[in-house]
Protein backbone atom coordinates (compact mmCIF):
# COMPACT_ATOMS: atom_id res chain seq x y z
CA UNK A 1 0.00 0.00 0.00
CA UNK A 2 1.22 3.50 -0.76
CA UNK A 3 0.58 6.39 1.63
CA UNK A 4 0.46 9.71 -0.20
CA UNK A 5 2.47 12.73 0.87
CA UNK A 6 2.72 16.24 -0.43
CA UNK A 7 5.03 16.66 -3.43
CA UNK A 8 7.93 16.54 -3.98
CA UNK A 9 8.07 13.66 -1.51
CA UNK A 10 7.27 10.22 -2.84
CA UNK A 11 4.60 8.08 -1.10
CA UNK A 12 5.51 6.00 1.93
CA UNK A 13 5.45 2.25 1.29
CA UNK A 14 3.53 0.03 3.72
CA UNK A 15 3.65 -3.76 3.66
CA UNK A 16 1.83 -6.03 6.12
CA UNK A 17 2.55 -9.75 6.08
CA UNK A 18 1.62 -12.72 8.31
CA UNK A 19 4.34 -13.81 10.71
CA UNK A 20 4.89 -17.15 12.40
CA UNK A 21 8.07 -18.34 14.09
CA UNK A 22 8.27 -20.74 17.00
CA UNK A 23 11.95 -19.81 17.42
CA UNK A 24 11.35 -16.13 18.14
CA UNK A 25 7.90 -16.13 19.69
CA UNK A 26 6.73 -19.05 21.75
CA UNK A 27 3.19 -17.70 21.55
CA UNK A 28 1.12 -19.33 18.80
CA UNK A 29 -1.36 -16.46 18.42
CA UNK A 30 -1.60 -14.88 14.96
CA UNK A 31 0.92 -12.12 14.36
CA UNK A 32 1.93 -9.80 11.55
CA UNK A 33 5.01 -7.91 10.49
CA UNK A 34 4.53 -4.33 9.41
CA UNK A 35 7.15 -2.65 7.24
CA UNK A 36 6.97 1.07 6.60
CA UNK A 37 9.61 2.58 4.37
CA UNK A 38 10.35 6.06 3.19
CA UNK A 39 11.89 6.01 -0.29
CA UNK A 40 13.17 9.54 0.32
CA UNK A 41 14.80 8.64 3.64
CA UNK A 42 18.47 7.86 4.10
CA UNK A 43 19.29 4.53 5.73
CA UNK A 44 21.03 4.61 9.08
CA UNK A 45 24.55 3.25 9.40
CA UNK A 46 24.41 -0.39 10.42
CA UNK A 47 26.28 0.32 13.67
CA UNK A 48 23.58 2.83 14.65
CA UNK A 49 20.86 0.27 13.92
CA UNK A 50 22.67 -2.27 16.13
CA UNK A 51 22.94 0.23 18.98
CA UNK A 52 19.28 1.09 18.75
CA UNK A 53 17.86 -2.43 18.35
CA UNK A 54 20.13 -4.36 20.70
CA UNK A 55 21.52 -1.75 23.08
CA UNK A 56 25.10 -2.29 21.93
CA UNK A 57 27.71 0.26 22.88
CA UNK A 58 29.55 2.13 20.11
CA UNK A 59 32.54 -0.19 20.47
CA UNK A 60 30.38 -3.33 20.45
CA UNK A 61 28.46 -2.17 17.39
CA UNK A 62 31.65 -1.26 15.52
CA UNK A 63 33.12 -4.69 16.33
CA UNK A 64 29.95 -6.47 15.22
CA UNK A 65 29.87 -4.44 12.02
CA UNK A 66 33.48 -5.33 11.20
CA UNK A 67 32.69 -9.01 11.72
CA UNK A 68 29.72 -8.66 9.36
CA UNK A 69 32.09 -7.13 6.79
CA UNK A 70 34.13 -10.34 6.87
CA UNK A 71 36.91 -9.44 9.27
CA UNK A 72 38.15 -12.16 11.57
CA UNK A 73 38.05 -11.28 15.27
CA UNK A 74 41.82 -10.68 15.47
CA UNK A 75 41.75 -8.36 12.44
CA UNK A 76 38.70 -6.52 13.77
CA UNK A 77 40.48 -6.05 17.11
CA UNK A 78 43.47 -4.59 15.25
CA UNK A 79 41.18 -2.23 13.30
CA UNK A 80 39.73 -0.99 16.59
CA UNK A 81 43.15 -0.79 18.29
CA UNK A 82 42.20 -3.24 21.02
CA UNK A 83 43.69 -6.44 22.38
CA UNK A 84 42.32 -9.72 21.05
CA UNK A 85 41.12 -10.71 24.54
CA UNK A 86 39.25 -7.41 24.86
CA UNK A 87 37.56 -8.09 21.53
CA UNK A 88 36.60 -11.58 22.76
CA UNK A 89 35.06 -10.05 25.88
CA UNK A 90 33.09 -7.59 23.77
CA UNK A 91 31.95 -10.41 21.49
CA UNK A 92 30.57 -12.36 24.46
CA UNK A 93 28.55 -9.31 25.51
CA UNK A 94 27.34 -8.87 21.91
CA UNK A 95 26.19 -12.50 21.88
CA UNK A 96 24.34 -11.94 25.13
CA UNK A 97 22.61 -8.78 23.91
CA UNK A 98 21.65 -10.12 20.46
CA UNK A 99 20.82 -13.70 21.41
CA UNK A 100 23.40 -15.04 18.94
CA UNK A 101 25.40 -18.04 20.09
CA UNK A 102 28.03 -18.13 17.34
CA UNK A 103 29.78 -15.62 15.16
CA UNK A 104 28.01 -16.97 12.06
CA UNK A 105 24.63 -16.43 13.75
CA UNK A 106 25.63 -12.86 14.58
CA UNK A 107 26.74 -12.12 11.02
CA UNK A 108 23.53 -13.61 9.62
CA UNK A 109 21.48 -11.46 12.00
CA UNK A 110 23.41 -8.30 11.09
CA UNK A 111 23.26 -8.88 7.34
CA UNK A 112 19.51 -9.38 7.62
CA UNK A 113 18.88 -6.01 9.27
CA UNK A 114 16.41 -3.96 7.25
CA UNK A 115 17.18 -0.41 6.26
CA UNK A 116 20.82 -0.37 7.25
CA UNK A 117 23.91 0.38 5.25
CA UNK A 118 27.62 -0.21 5.74
């Protein structure tokens, strides 16, 4: 569905779709996902989306973003000028906050974020 706005802005785009996932919600009641997008809007940086959705700190979100870009943990730690053990500690906190249990799960979650950019 398109939601009109005054020119020169383009209409907002609204999509509603059924949602069912026993992994995320243990409740079996009907649910829906609602997506509202602004074609004139600028996407947020992925690190900002991570901070907002999962409560990550700036350092945690930057580390997670580097991992999603394909960096190994040691290389990401070097990029952030931190010790490898410090990066491992941050990664454990990131796992806790996002619900990911492995680095591949975290990367999959990050790459699936809507409306984010590198």
